Amino acid sequence: MPRNLSTITTKFLASGVGVNAIRRALSPISNYSRCESSAFVRRALTHAIHKDVIGVEISPYAEFIPTKTTLLLGEGRGRSQDYLEAIETEEQINKAAIETSAQLKKSRYFFEQANVVTEEIKPILYYYGSMYFLDFICLNIVRRRLIGSRGHGLSITNDSEGWDFDKNWARNKCRVQIGSAGDFPFYVDALTVSGWTTLFSQFRLHHEAMDDPYILLDNPKPLFTEKVSLDKLCNFNKDKYLDDYPDVKEWLIGTNEGMVWKLTELLMDVIVVYIASSLARYYTPAWIGIIEANKSDIYNDVRAAYQNVSEGFPLFFADEHPFDYSYGTRIPPY
């Protein structure tokens, strides 16, 4: 995972321009500003479902919005116990538009506030900003029928509250696990059934030609099916992982591996920010030890994760993905 924070190019700005206005103008999430209107999202989603899109290249790796047939193919095969259902009717489109436009506003607000608050609470705002942005993306893809109670889909286990924090604490005493219920596994599955494969995916969609029906190829070793340390998350070595599990390397043949890894990395950073937010809320001594950075350099990794979830996600779906149209970064045709 890259840990070098990018620098912002300095520009000449007119006098009197507020700092918050500058931040918002430079923020990648501003690409989605039109989507804070439910009417805009409703129109864009309607065109995406009908695939009557002008000037958008259709990728062999994904479809605009997964159909009922595709969703049934993956039913019971993912990481989440929730049911994923197709967005089809006008009423369903309208509900999706209302909910996702509201979630996008929340995401932008949390990211903006995260820029100005103190380090003690910063990760909490970044975490919820990333969750609301993933809600915006995923609830424009599928309808979610919740099974069980709501939750993060992630859980943290620490051997101590952090009073004994040292350079090995993140490696040995702080671990996270992905569950089968809650938000995170839902995001993984919603992205997977739309063709956005990650190393977290339990399967991937595959067809030999564009007109062929999809088949499912099971991932022989989905990422992080057991507890993983914060240190391993921040220092994950993709090449070593693929060398250790050659069946996964074979499973990836025919995918856009660059896109698979980029989205995997972004989702790993969501987990890093989740851990940071949990430490900030419930394990204050450990979090103070991290942000003081006098016993560990792990905070560099956390800061890089902040940047990836707040900038990397919006840039991925707006610029690097062929279906940016679906999320309103292009004006739909009339």
C-alpha atoms as a PDB file:
ATOM      1  CA  MET A   1       0.000   0.000   0.000  1.00  0.00           C
ATOM      2  CA  PRO A   2       1.472   3.375  -0.946  1.00  0.00           C
ATOM      3  CA  ARG A   3       2.275   5.483   2.086  1.00  0.00           C
ATOM      4  CA  ASN A   4       3.665   8.651   0.502  1.00  0.00           C
ATOM      5  CA  LEU A   5       1.134  11.415   0.818  1.00  0.00           C
ATOM      6  CA  SER A   6       0.696  13.358  -2.375  1.00  0.00           C
ATOM      7  CA  THR A   7       1.323  17.069  -2.288  1.00  0.00           C
ATOM      8  CA  ILE A   8      -1.228  19.640  -3.374  1.00  0.00           C
ATOM      9  CA  THR A   9      -0.068  21.952  -6.106  1.00  0.00           C
ATOM     10  CA  THR A  10      -0.077  25.548  -4.934  1.00  0.00           C
ATOM     11  CA  LYS A  11      -2.121  27.917  -7.093  1.00  0.00           C
ATOM     12  CA  PHE A  12      -2.551  31.676  -7.119  1.00  0.00           C
ATOM     13  CA  LEU A  13      -5.904  32.445  -5.540  1.00  0.00           C
ATOM     14  CA  ALA A  14      -7.902  35.616  -5.438  1.00  0.00           C
ATOM     15  CA  SER A  15      -7.838  37.502  -2.160  1.00  0.00           C
ATOM     16  CA  GLY A  16     -10.793  36.852   0.087  1.00  0.00           C
ATOM     17  CA  VAL A  17     -11.308  33.260  -1.069  1.00  0.00           C
ATOM     18  CA  GLY A  18     -12.138  31.240   2.038  1.00  0.00           C
ATOM     19  CA  VAL A  19     -10.110  28.202   3.046  1.00  0.00           C
ATOM     20  CA  ASN A  20     -13.198  25.990   3.196  1.00  0.00           C
ATOM     21  CA  ALA A  21     -14.241  27.074  -0.289  1.00  0.00           C
ATOM     22  CA  ILE A  22     -10.771  26.197  -1.583  1.00  0.00           C
ATOM     23  CA  ARG A  23     -10.829  22.786   0.078  1.00  0.00           C
ATOM     24  CA  ARG A  24     -14.220  22.015  -1.399  1.00  0.00           C
ATOM     25  CA  ALA A  25     -13.173  23.126  -4.883  1.00  0.00           C
ATOM     26  CA  LEU A  26     -10.081  20.907  -4.752  1.00  0.00           C
ATOM     27  CA  SER A  27     -11.865  17.902  -3.232  1.00  0.00           C
ATOM     28  CA  PRO A  28     -12.448  14.986  -5.638  1.00  0.00           C
ATOM     29  CA  ILE A  29     -15.892  14.466  -4.123  1.00  0.00           C
ATOM     30  CA  SER A  30     -16.900  17.783  -5.694  1.00  0.00           C
ATOM     31  CA  ASN A  31     -17.060  15.840  -8.992  1.00  0.00           C
ATOM     32  CA  TYR A  32     -20.305  14.420  -7.660  1.00  0.00           C
ATOM     33  CA  SER A  33     -21.940  17.685  -6.633  1.00  0.00           C
ATOM     34  CA  ARG A  34     -24.835  17.245  -9.065  1.00  0.00           C
ATOM     35  CA  CYS A  35     -25.655  13.945  -7.370  1.00  0.00           C
ATOM     36  CA  GLU A  36     -26.701  15.748  -4.217  1.00  0.00           C
ATOM     37  CA  SER A  37     -29.897  16.322  -6.187  1.00  0.00           C
ATOM     38  CA  SER A  38     -32.139  13.245  -6.059  1.00  0.00           C
ATOM     39  CA  ALA A  39     -33.741  14.337  -9.347  1.00  0.00           C
ATOM     40  CA  PHE A  40     -30.363  14.205 -11.080  1.00  0.00           C
ATOM     41  CA  VAL A  41     -29.530  10.778  -9.632  1.00  0.00           C
ATOM     42  CA  ARG A  42     -32.959   9.459 -10.607  1.00  0.00           C
ATOM     43  CA  ARG A  43     -32.460  10.551 -14.211  1.00  0.00           C
ATOM     44  CA  ALA A  44     -28.891   9.218 -14.385  1.00  0.00           C
ATOM     45  CA  LEU A  45     -29.847   5.902 -12.788  1.00  0.00           C
ATOM     46  CA  THR A  46     -32.740   5.454 -15.211  1.00  0.00           C
ATOM     47  CA  HIS A  47     -30.429   5.893 -18.193  1.00  0.00           C
ATOM     48  CA  ALA A  48     -27.828   3.578 -16.665  1.00  0.00           C
ATOM     49  CA  ILE A  49     -30.381   0.788 -16.109  1.00  0.00           C
ATOM     50  CA  HIS A  50     -31.666   1.107 -19.670  1.00  0.00           C
ATOM     51  CA  LYS A  51     -28.097   1.364 -21.009  1.00  0.00           C
ATOM     52  CA  ASP A  52     -29.138   4.164 -23.350  1.00  0.00           C
ATOM     53  CA  VAL A  53     -25.898   6.004 -22.738  1.00  0.00           C
ATOM     54  CA  ILE A  54     -24.190   8.022 -25.433  1.00  0.00           C
ATOM     55  CA  GLY A  55     -20.410   8.037 -25.682  1.00  0.00           C
ATOM     56  CA  VAL A  56     -19.652   5.653 -22.808  1.00  0.00           C
ATOM     57  CA  GLU A  57     -17.508   2.640 -23.590  1.00  0.00           C
ATOM     58  CA  ILE A  58     -18.912  -0.629 -22.275  1.00  0.00           C
ATOM     59  CA  SER A  59     -16.304  -2.542 -20.299  1.00  0.00           C
ATOM     60  CA  PRO A  60     -15.933  -6.331 -20.515  1.00  0.00           C
ATOM     61  CA  TYR A  61     -15.344  -6.350 -16.753  1.00  0.00           C
ATOM     62  CA  ALA A  62     -18.607  -4.910 -15.459  1.00  0.00           C
ATOM     63  CA  GLU A  63     -22.141  -3.944 -16.331  1.00  0.00           C
ATOM     64  CA  PHE A  64     -23.972  -0.738 -15.560  1.00  0.00           C
ATOM     65  CA  ILE A  65     -26.443  -2.018 -12.965  1.00  0.00           C
ATOM     66  CA  PRO A  66     -26.606  -5.783 -12.250  1.00  0.00           C
ATOM     67  CA  THR A  67     -29.747  -7.532 -13.450  1.00  0.00           C
ATOM     68  CA  LYS A  68     -31.935  -9.867 -11.447  1.00  0.00           C
ATOM     69  CA  THR A  69     -30.378 -12.822 -13.306  1.00  0.00           C
ATOM     70  CA  THR A  70     -26.848 -11.762 -12.357  1.00  0.00           C
ATOM     71  CA  LEU A  71     -27.819 -11.221  -8.729  1.00  0.00           C
ATOM     72  CA  LEU A  72     -29.468 -14.638  -8.504  1.00  0.00           C
ATOM     73  CA  LEU A  73     -26.286 -16.168  -9.865  1.00  0.00           C
ATOM     74  CA  GLY A  74     -24.328 -14.786  -6.914  1.00  0.00           C
ATOM     75  CA  GLU A  75     -26.995 -15.346  -4.246  1.00  0.00           C
ATOM     76  CA  GLY A  76     -25.574 -17.068  -1.174  1.00  0.00           C
ATOM     77  CA  ARG A  77     -22.061 -17.062  -2.619  1.00  0.00           C
ATOM     78  CA  GLY A  78     -20.749 -13.772  -1.211  1.00  0.00           C
ATOM     79  CA  ARG A  79     -19.313 -12.525   2.060  1.00  0.00           C
ATOM     80  CA  SER A  80     -22.529 -10.883   3.229  1.00  0.00           C
ATOM     81  CA  GLN A  81     -25.633 -12.613   4.499  1.00  0.00           C
ATOM     82  CA  ASP A  82     -27.774  -9.737   3.164  1.00  0.00           C
ATOM     83  CA  TYR A  83     -29.875 -10.272   0.051  1.00  0.00           C
ATOM     84  CA  LEU A  84     -29.012  -8.119  -2.956  1.00  0.00           C
ATOM     85  CA  GLU A  85     -31.919  -7.301  -5.236  1.00  0.00           C
ATOM     86  CA  ALA A  86     -32.123  -5.561  -8.589  1.00  0.00           C
ATOM     87  CA  ILE A  87     -33.184  -1.945  -9.046  1.00  0.00           C
ATOM     88  CA  GLU A  88     -35.875  -2.188 -11.710  1.00  0.00           C
ATOM     89  CA  THR A  89     -39.096  -0.243 -11.182  1.00  0.00           C
ATOM     90  CA  GLU A  90     -39.655   3.501 -11.166  1.00  0.00           C
ATOM     91  CA  GLU A  91     -40.473   3.368  -7.461  1.00  0.00           C
ATOM     92  CA  GLN A  92     -37.217   1.519  -6.717  1.00  0.00           C
ATOM     93  CA  ILE A  93     -35.228   4.010  -8.783  1.00  0.00           C
ATOM     94  CA  ASN A  94     -36.868   6.909  -6.942  1.00  0.00           C
ATOM     95  CA  LYS A  95     -36.110   5.418  -3.512  1.00  0.00           C
ATOM     96  CA  ALA A  96     -32.500   4.737  -4.508  1.00  0.00           C
ATOM     97  CA  ALA A  97     -32.091   8.313  -5.747  1.00  0.00           C
ATOM     98  CA  ILE A  98     -33.501   9.827  -2.552  1.00  0.00           C
ATOM     99  CA  GLU A  99     -31.334   7.679  -0.288  1.00  0.00           C
ATOM    100  CA  THR A 100     -28.077   7.911  -2.231  1.00  0.00           C
ATOM    101  CA  SER A 101     -28.217  11.675  -2.752  1.00  0.00           C
ATOM    102  CA  ALA A 102     -28.696  12.072   1.019  1.00  0.00           C
ATOM    103  CA  GLN A 103     -25.780   9.718   1.759  1.00  0.00           C
ATOM    104  CA  LEU A 104     -23.533  11.665  -0.601  1.00  0.00           C
ATOM    105  CA  LYS A 105     -24.285  14.920   1.223  1.00  0.00           C
ATOM    106  CA  LYS A 106     -23.382  13.254   4.519  1.00  0.00           C
ATOM    107  CA  SER A 107     -20.156  11.916   3.033  1.00  0.00           C
ATOM    108  CA  ARG A 108     -19.077  15.324   1.778  1.00  0.00           C
ATOM    109  CA  TYR A 109     -19.915  16.955   5.104  1.00  0.00           C
ATOM    110  CA  PHE A 110     -17.948  14.399   7.130  1.00  0.00           C
ATOM    111  CA  PHE A 111     -14.905  14.662   4.851  1.00  0.00           C
ATOM    112  CA  GLU A 112     -14.989  18.461   5.028  1.00  0.00           C
ATOM    113  CA  GLN A 113     -15.217  18.423   8.812  1.00  0.00           C
ATOM    114  CA  ALA A 114     -12.427  15.846   9.064  1.00  0.00           C
ATOM    115  CA  ASN A 115     -10.079  18.408   7.521  1.00  0.00           C
ATOM    116  CA  VAL A 116     -10.562  20.890  10.336  1.00  0.00           C
ATOM    117  CA  VAL A 117     -10.976  18.874  13.553  1.00  0.00           C
ATOM    118  CA  THR A 118      -8.201  17.745  15.893  1.00  0.00           C
ATOM    119  CA  GLU A 119      -6.315  14.485  15.519  1.00  0.00           C
ATOM    120  CA  GLU A 120      -8.136  12.988  18.496  1.00  0.00           C
ATOM    121  CA  ILE A 121     -11.427  12.702  16.571  1.00  0.00           C
ATOM    122  CA  LYS A 122     -10.315  12.937  12.923  1.00  0.00           C
ATOM    123  CA  PRO A 123     -10.548   9.187  12.100  1.00  0.00           C
ATOM    124  CA  ILE A 124     -14.176   8.983  13.228  1.00  0.00           C
ATOM    125  CA  LEU A 125     -15.204  11.569  10.644  1.00  0.00           C
ATOM    126  CA  TYR A 126     -13.113  10.007   7.885  1.00  0.00           C
ATOM    127  CA  TYR A 127     -14.600   6.596   8.638  1.00  0.00           C
ATOM    128  CA  TYR A 128     -18.207   7.755   8.427  1.00  0.00           C
ATOM    129  CA  GLY A 129     -17.417   9.827   5.347  1.00  0.00           C
ATOM    130  CA  SER A 130     -16.119   6.707   3.611  1.00  0.00           C
ATOM    131  CA  MET A 131     -19.129   4.636   4.709  1.00  0.00           C
ATOM    132  CA  TYR A 132     -21.601   7.169   3.376  1.00  0.00           C
ATOM    133  CA  PHE A 133     -19.719   7.421   0.085  1.00  0.00           C
ATOM    134  CA  LEU A 134     -19.807   3.629  -0.308  1.00  0.00           C
ATOM    135  CA  ASP A 135     -23.530   3.768   0.493  1.00  0.00           C
ATOM    136  CA  PHE A 136     -23.898   6.276  -2.339  1.00  0.00           C
ATOM    137  CA  ILE A 137     -22.115   3.975  -4.783  1.00  0.00           C
ATOM    138  CA  CYS A 138     -23.519   0.621  -3.709  1.00  0.00           C
ATOM    139  CA  LEU A 139     -27.148   1.659  -3.210  1.00  0.00           C
ATOM    140  CA  ASN A 140     -27.110   3.017  -6.753  1.00  0.00           C
ATOM    141  CA  ILE A 141     -26.136  -0.505  -7.853  1.00  0.00           C
ATOM    142  CA  VAL A 142     -28.434  -2.801  -5.863  1.00  0.00           C
ATOM    143  CA  ARG A 143     -31.208  -2.826  -3.326  1.00  0.00           C
ATOM    144  CA  ARG A 144     -30.152  -4.208   0.030  1.00  0.00           C
ATOM    145  CA  ARG A 145     -32.454  -6.486   1.970  1.00  0.00           C
ATOM    146  CA  LEU A 146     -30.960  -6.514   5.431  1.00  0.00           C
ATOM    147  CA  ILE A 147     -30.626  -9.822   7.243  1.00  0.00           C
ATOM    148  CA  GLY A 148     -30.043  -9.438  10.952  1.00  0.00           C
ATOM    149  CA  SER A 149     -29.083  -6.235  12.685  1.00  0.00           C
ATOM    150  CA  ARG A 150     -27.179  -3.290  11.263  1.00  0.00           C
ATOM    151  CA  GLY A 151     -23.502  -2.890  11.986  1.00  0.00           C
ATOM    152  CA  HIS A 152     -20.105  -2.066  10.551  1.00  0.00           C
ATOM    153  CA  GLY A 153     -19.354  -5.604   9.408  1.00  0.00           C
ATOM    154  CA  LEU A 154     -15.952  -5.194  11.046  1.00  0.00           C
ATOM    155  CA  SER A 155     -14.854  -5.883  14.615  1.00  0.00           C
ATOM    156  CA  ILE A 156     -11.686  -4.964  16.472  1.00  0.00           C
ATOM    157  CA  THR A 157      -9.894  -6.959  19.157  1.00  0.00           C
ATOM    158  CA  ASN A 158      -7.090  -5.521  21.291  1.00  0.00           C
ATOM    159  CA  ASP A 159      -5.038  -7.239  23.973  1.00  0.00           C
ATOM    160  CA  SER A 160      -4.882  -4.043  26.026  1.00  0.00           C
ATOM    161  CA  GLU A 161      -6.243  -0.510  26.182  1.00  0.00           C
ATOM    162  CA  GLY A 162      -2.886   0.819  25.048  1.00  0.00           C
ATOM    163  CA  TRP A 163      -1.225   1.944  28.246  1.00  0.00           C
ATOM    164  CA  ASP A 164       1.583  -0.421  27.272  1.00  0.00           C
ATOM    165  CA  PHE A 165       1.732   1.022  23.749  1.00  0.00           C
ATOM    166  CA  ASP A 166       5.066   0.534  22.010  1.00  0.00           C
ATOM    167  CA  LYS A 167       6.382  -0.052  18.494  1.00  0.00           C
ATOM    168  CA  ASN A 168       5.071  -3.639  18.520  1.00  0.00           C
ATOM    169  CA  TRP A 169       1.554  -2.851  19.756  1.00  0.00           C
ATOM    170  CA  ALA A 170       0.047  -2.491  16.258  1.00  0.00           C
ATOM    171  CA  ARG A 171       1.766  -5.696  15.148  1.00  0.00           C
ATOM    172  CA  ASN A 172       0.862  -7.935  18.070  1.00  0.00           C
ATOM    173  CA  LYS A 173      -2.022  -6.500  20.064  1.00  0.00           C
ATOM    174  CA  CYS A 174      -4.481  -4.918  17.607  1.00  0.00           C
ATOM    175  CA  ARG A 175      -6.489  -7.090  15.201  1.00  0.00           C
ATOM    176  CA  VAL A 176      -9.589  -6.737  13.038  1.00  0.00           C
ATOM    177  CA  GLN A 177     -12.003  -9.254  11.572  1.00  0.00           C
ATOM    178  CA  ILE A 178     -14.538  -9.058   8.742  1.00  0.00           C
ATOM    179  CA  GLY A 179     -17.956 -10.447   9.641  1.00  0.00           C
ATOM    180  CA  SER A 180     -20.756 -11.880   7.520  1.00  0.00           C
ATOM    181  CA  ALA A 181     -23.281  -9.237   8.595  1.00  0.00           C
ATOM    182  CA  GLY A 182     -23.072  -5.479   8.388  1.00  0.00           C
ATOM    183  CA  ASP A 183     -21.890  -2.839   5.970  1.00  0.00           C
ATOM    184  CA  PHE A 184     -18.399  -3.898   4.882  1.00  0.00           C
ATOM    185  CA  PRO A 185     -19.259  -7.375   3.514  1.00  0.00           C
ATOM    186  CA  PHE A 186     -22.305  -5.822   1.815  1.00  0.00           C
ATOM    187  CA  TYR A 187     -20.065  -3.307   0.036  1.00  0.00           C
ATOM    188  CA  VAL A 188     -17.732  -6.094  -1.107  1.00  0.00           C
ATOM    189  CA  ASP A 189     -20.611  -8.129  -2.547  1.00  0.00           C
ATOM    190  CA  ALA A 190     -22.421  -5.187  -4.154  1.00  0.00           C
ATOM    191  CA  LEU A 191     -19.235  -4.163  -5.954  1.00  0.00           C
ATOM    192  CA  THR A 192     -18.440  -7.762  -6.912  1.00  0.00           C
ATOM    193  CA  VAL A 193     -21.788  -8.459  -8.593  1.00  0.00           C
ATOM    194  CA  SER A 194     -21.322  -5.287 -10.642  1.00  0.00           C
ATOM    195  CA  GLY A 195     -18.017  -6.633 -11.932  1.00  0.00           C
ATOM    196  CA  TRP A 196     -15.754  -4.684  -9.568  1.00  0.00           C
ATOM    197  CA  THR A 197     -13.739  -7.662  -8.397  1.00  0.00           C
ATOM    198  CA  THR A 198     -11.401  -7.322  -5.415  1.00  0.00           C
ATOM    199  CA  LEU A 199      -9.209  -9.748  -3.514  1.00  0.00           C
ATOM    200  CA  PHE A 200     -11.934  -9.629  -0.840  1.00  0.00           C
ATOM    201  CA  SER A 201     -14.477 -11.067  -3.306  1.00  0.00           C
ATOM    202  CA  GLN A 202     -15.585 -14.645  -2.779  1.00  0.00           C
ATOM    203  CA  PHE A 203     -16.208 -14.987  -6.509  1.00  0.00           C
ATOM    204  CA  ARG A 204     -15.952 -13.030  -9.714  1.00  0.00           C
ATOM    205  CA  LEU A 205     -18.178 -12.745 -12.747  1.00  0.00           C
ATOM    206  CA  HIS A 206     -16.733 -14.101 -15.973  1.00  0.00           C
ATOM    207  CA  HIS A 207     -17.822 -14.484 -19.550  1.00  0.00           C
ATOM    208  CA  GLU A 208     -15.823 -15.341 -22.626  1.00  0.00           C
ATOM    209  CA  ALA A 209     -17.550 -12.760 -24.828  1.00  0.00           C
ATOM    210  CA  MET A 210     -19.799  -9.758 -24.187  1.00  0.00           C
ATOM    211  CA  ASP A 211     -22.935 -11.625 -25.290  1.00  0.00           C
ATOM    212  CA  ASP A 212     -22.184 -14.800 -23.339  1.00  0.00           C
ATOM    213  CA  PRO A 213     -23.986 -15.398 -20.033  1.00  0.00           C
ATOM    214  CA  TYR A 214     -22.010 -14.830 -16.871  1.00  0.00           C
ATOM    215  CA  ILE A 215     -20.533 -17.693 -14.901  1.00  0.00           C
ATOM    216  CA  LEU A 216     -19.114 -17.478 -11.382  1.00  0.00           C
ATOM    217  CA  LEU A 217     -15.509 -18.324 -10.609  1.00  0.00           C
ATOM    218  CA  ASP A 218     -14.909 -18.872  -6.892  1.00  0.00           C
ATOM    219  CA  ASN A 219     -11.948 -17.147  -5.271  1.00  0.00           C
ATOM    220  CA  PRO A 220      -9.757 -19.930  -3.810  1.00  0.00           C
ATOM    221  CA  LYS A 221      -8.457 -17.645  -1.037  1.00  0.00           C
ATOM    222  CA  PRO A 222     -10.489 -14.483  -0.319  1.00  0.00           C
ATOM    223  CA  LEU A 223      -8.543 -11.858   1.564  1.00  0.00           C
ATOM    224  CA  PHE A 224      -8.692 -11.698   5.371  1.00  0.00           C
ATOM    225  CA  THR A 225     -11.096 -14.492   6.236  1.00  0.00           C
ATOM    226  CA  GLU A 226      -9.409 -14.569   9.657  1.00  0.00           C
ATOM    227  CA  LYS A 227      -8.302 -11.860  12.072  1.00  0.00           C
ATOM    228  CA  VAL A 228      -5.558  -9.618  10.724  1.00  0.00           C
ATOM    229  CA  SER A 229      -3.281  -7.190  12.549  1.00  0.00           C
ATOM    230  CA  LEU A 230      -3.141  -3.470  11.901  1.00  0.00           C
ATOM    231  CA  ASP A 231       0.519  -3.881  11.025  1.00  0.00           C
ATOM    232  CA  LYS A 232      -0.251  -6.474   8.332  1.00  0.00           C
ATOM    233  CA  LEU A 233      -2.963  -4.256   6.877  1.00  0.00           C
ATOM    234  CA  CYS A 234      -0.584  -1.337   6.578  1.00  0.00           C
ATOM    235  CA  ASN A 235       2.227  -3.427   5.136  1.00  0.00           C
ATOM    236  CA  PHE A 236       0.285  -5.842   2.964  1.00  0.00           C
ATOM    237  CA  ASN A 237       2.410  -7.223   0.131  1.00  0.00           C
ATOM    238  CA  LYS A 238       0.260  -8.106  -2.854  1.00  0.00           C
ATOM    239  CA  ASP A 239       3.064  -9.846  -4.754  1.00  0.00           C
ATOM    240  CA  LYS A 240       3.919 -12.059  -1.802  1.00  0.00           C
ATOM    241  CA  TYR A 241       0.228 -12.875  -1.328  1.00  0.00           C
ATOM    242  CA  LEU A 242      -0.106 -13.974  -4.944  1.00  0.00           C
ATOM    243  CA  ASP A 243       3.131 -15.952  -4.717  1.00  0.00           C
ATOM    244  CA  ASP A 244       1.861 -17.683  -1.584  1.00  0.00           C
ATOM    245  CA  TYR A 245      -1.496 -18.430  -3.235  1.00  0.00           C
ATOM    246  CA  PRO A 246      -0.854 -19.163  -6.940  1.00  0.00           C
ATOM    247  CA  ASP A 247      -4.479 -20.299  -7.338  1.00  0.00           C
ATOM    248  CA  VAL A 248      -5.547 -16.689  -6.691  1.00  0.00           C
ATOM    249  CA  LYS A 249      -3.126 -15.472  -9.368  1.00  0.00           C
ATOM    250  CA  GLU A 250      -4.734 -17.923 -11.792  1.00  0.00           C
ATOM    251  CA  TRP A 251      -8.214 -16.822 -10.671  1.00  0.00           C
ATOM    252  CA  LEU A 252      -7.342 -13.240 -11.661  1.00  0.00           C
ATOM    253  CA  ILE A 253      -6.487 -14.161 -15.260  1.00  0.00           C
ATOM    254  CA  GLY A 254      -8.894 -12.327 -17.536  1.00  0.00           C
ATOM    255  CA  THR A 255      -9.547  -9.480 -15.108  1.00  0.00           C
ATOM    256  CA  ASN A 256      -8.262  -5.937 -15.136  1.00  0.00           C
ATOM    257  CA  GLU A 257      -5.698  -6.624 -12.414  1.00  0.00           C
ATOM    258  CA  GLY A 258      -4.797  -2.975 -11.979  1.00  0.00           C
ATOM    259  CA  MET A 259      -8.422  -2.124 -11.209  1.00  0.00           C
ATOM    260  CA  VAL A 260      -8.762  -5.174  -8.931  1.00  0.00           C
ATOM    261  CA  TRP A 261      -5.746  -4.146  -6.879  1.00  0.00           C
ATOM    262  CA  LYS A 262      -6.686  -0.459  -6.716  1.00  0.00           C
ATOM    263  CA  LEU A 263     -10.140  -1.180  -5.338  1.00  0.00           C
ATOM    264  CA  THR A 264      -8.740  -3.827  -2.970  1.00  0.00           C
ATOM    265  CA  GLU A 265      -6.286  -1.257  -1.647  1.00  0.00           C
ATOM    266  CA  LEU A 266      -9.043   1.312  -1.143  1.00  0.00           C
ATOM    267  CA  LEU A 267     -11.161  -1.176   0.801  1.00  0.00           C
ATOM    268  CA  MET A 268      -8.148  -2.080   2.950  1.00  0.00           C
ATOM    269  CA  ASP A 269      -7.774   1.590   3.773  1.00  0.00           C
ATOM    270  CA  VAL A 270     -11.414   1.675   4.859  1.00  0.00           C
ATOM    271  CA  ILE A 271     -10.507  -1.051   7.365  1.00  0.00           C
ATOM    272  CA  VAL A 272      -7.456   0.927   8.527  1.00  0.00           C
ATOM    273  CA  VAL A 273      -9.623   4.001   9.114  1.00  0.00           C
ATOM    274  CA  TYR A 274     -12.210   1.855  10.905  1.00  0.00           C
ATOM    275  CA  ILE A 275      -9.492   0.605  13.271  1.00  0.00           C
ATOM    276  CA  ALA A 276      -8.267   4.160  13.835  1.00  0.00           C
ATOM    277  CA  SER A 277     -11.800   5.371  14.589  1.00  0.00           C
ATOM    278  CA  SER A 278     -12.346   2.501  17.029  1.00  0.00           C
ATOM    279  CA  LEU A 279      -9.073   3.259  18.805  1.00  0.00           C
ATOM    280  CA  ALA A 280      -9.963   6.958  18.993  1.00  0.00           C
ATOM    281  CA  ARG A 281     -13.335   6.135  20.558  1.00  0.00           C
ATOM    282  CA  TYR A 282     -12.609   3.180  22.821  1.00  0.00           C
ATOM    283  CA  TYR A 283      -8.835   2.834  23.269  1.00  0.00           C
ATOM    284  CA  THR A 284      -7.679   6.378  23.906  1.00  0.00           C
ATOM    285  CA  PRO A 285      -4.226   5.536  25.333  1.00  0.00           C
ATOM    286  CA  ALA A 286      -3.368   3.530  22.216  1.00  0.00           C
ATOM    287  CA  TRP A 287      -4.656   6.245  19.901  1.00  0.00           C
ATOM    288  CA  ILE A 288      -2.640   8.919  21.714  1.00  0.00           C
ATOM    289  CA  GLY A 289       0.419   6.712  21.320  1.00  0.00           C
ATOM    290  CA  ILE A 290      -0.216   6.463  17.578  1.00  0.00           C
ATOM    291  CA  ILE A 291      -0.779  10.157  16.903  1.00  0.00           C
ATOM    292  CA  GLU A 292       2.185  11.213  19.016  1.00  0.00           C
ATOM    293  CA  ALA A 293       4.260   8.964  16.729  1.00  0.00           C
ATOM    294  CA  ASN A 294       7.038   8.756  19.276  1.00  0.00           C
ATOM    295  CA  LYS A 295       6.909   4.978  19.582  1.00  0.00           C
ATOM    296  CA  SER A 296       5.554   3.935  16.186  1.00  0.00           C
ATOM    297  CA  ASP A 297       5.412   5.293  12.646  1.00  0.00           C
ATOM    298  CA  ILE A 298       2.004   3.689  12.060  1.00  0.00           C
ATOM    299  CA  TYR A 299       0.367   7.124  11.923  1.00  0.00           C
ATOM    300  CA  ASN A 300       1.922   7.699   8.493  1.00  0.00           C
ATOM    301  CA  ASP A 301      -0.104   4.716   7.282  1.00  0.00           C
ATOM    302  CA  VAL A 302      -3.262   6.014   8.935  1.00  0.00           C
ATOM    303  CA  ARG A 303      -2.833   9.447   7.332  1.00  0.00           C
ATOM    304  CA  ALA A 304      -2.335   7.824   3.932  1.00  0.00           C
ATOM    305  CA  ALA A 305      -5.549   5.859   4.517  1.00  0.00           C
ATOM    306  CA  TYR A 306      -7.404   9.114   5.274  1.00  0.00           C
ATOM    307  CA  GLN A 307      -6.338  10.457   1.909  1.00  0.00           C
ATOM    308  CA  ASN A 308      -7.228   7.282   0.051  1.00  0.00           C
ATOM    309  CA  VAL A 309     -10.763   7.031   1.417  1.00  0.00           C
ATOM    310  CA  SER A 310     -11.575  10.726   0.990  1.00  0.00           C
ATOM    311  CA  GLU A 311      -9.880  11.259  -2.394  1.00  0.00           C
ATOM    312  CA  GLY A 312      -9.059   7.832  -3.802  1.00  0.00           C
ATOM    313  CA  PHE A 313     -12.615   6.507  -3.765  1.00  0.00           C
ATOM    314  CA  PRO A 314     -14.178   9.509  -5.550  1.00  0.00           C
ATOM    315  CA  LEU A 315     -11.352   9.554  -8.103  1.00  0.00           C
ATOM    316  CA  PHE A 316     -11.638   5.810  -8.729  1.00  0.00           C
ATOM    317  CA  PHE A 317     -15.316   5.933  -9.583  1.00  0.00           C
ATOM    318  CA  ALA A 318     -15.192   9.308 -11.353  1.00  0.00           C
ATOM    319  CA  ASP A 319     -12.047   8.986 -13.458  1.00  0.00           C
ATOM    320  CA  GLU A 320     -10.698   5.445 -13.561  1.00  0.00           C
ATOM    321  CA  HIS A 321     -13.880   3.517 -14.070  1.00  0.00           C
ATOM    322  CA  PRO A 322     -15.905   3.147 -17.285  1.00  0.00           C
ATOM    323  CA  PHE A 323     -19.205   3.605 -15.488  1.00  0.00           C
ATOM    324  CA  ASP A 324     -18.666   7.067 -14.081  1.00  0.00           C
ATOM    325  CA  TYR A 325     -21.846   8.058 -15.957  1.00  0.00           C
ATOM    326  CA  SER A 326     -24.034   6.011 -13.634  1.00  0.00           C
ATOM    327  CA  TYR A 327     -23.049   8.148 -10.660  1.00  0.00           C
ATOM    328  CA  GLY A 328     -23.711  11.483 -12.262  1.00  0.00           C
ATOM    329  CA  THR A 329     -20.246  12.684 -13.161  1.00  0.00           C
ATOM    330  CA  ARG A 330     -21.509  13.115 -16.702  1.00  0.00           C
ATOM    331  CA  ILE A 331     -24.724  14.866 -17.644  1.00  0.00           C
ATOM    332  CA  PRO A 332     -27.248  12.252 -18.826  1.00  0.00           C
ATOM    333  CA  PRO A 333     -28.799  12.712 -22.290  1.00  0.00           C
ATOM    334  CA  TYR A 334     -32.352  13.936 -22.569  1.00  0.00           C
END
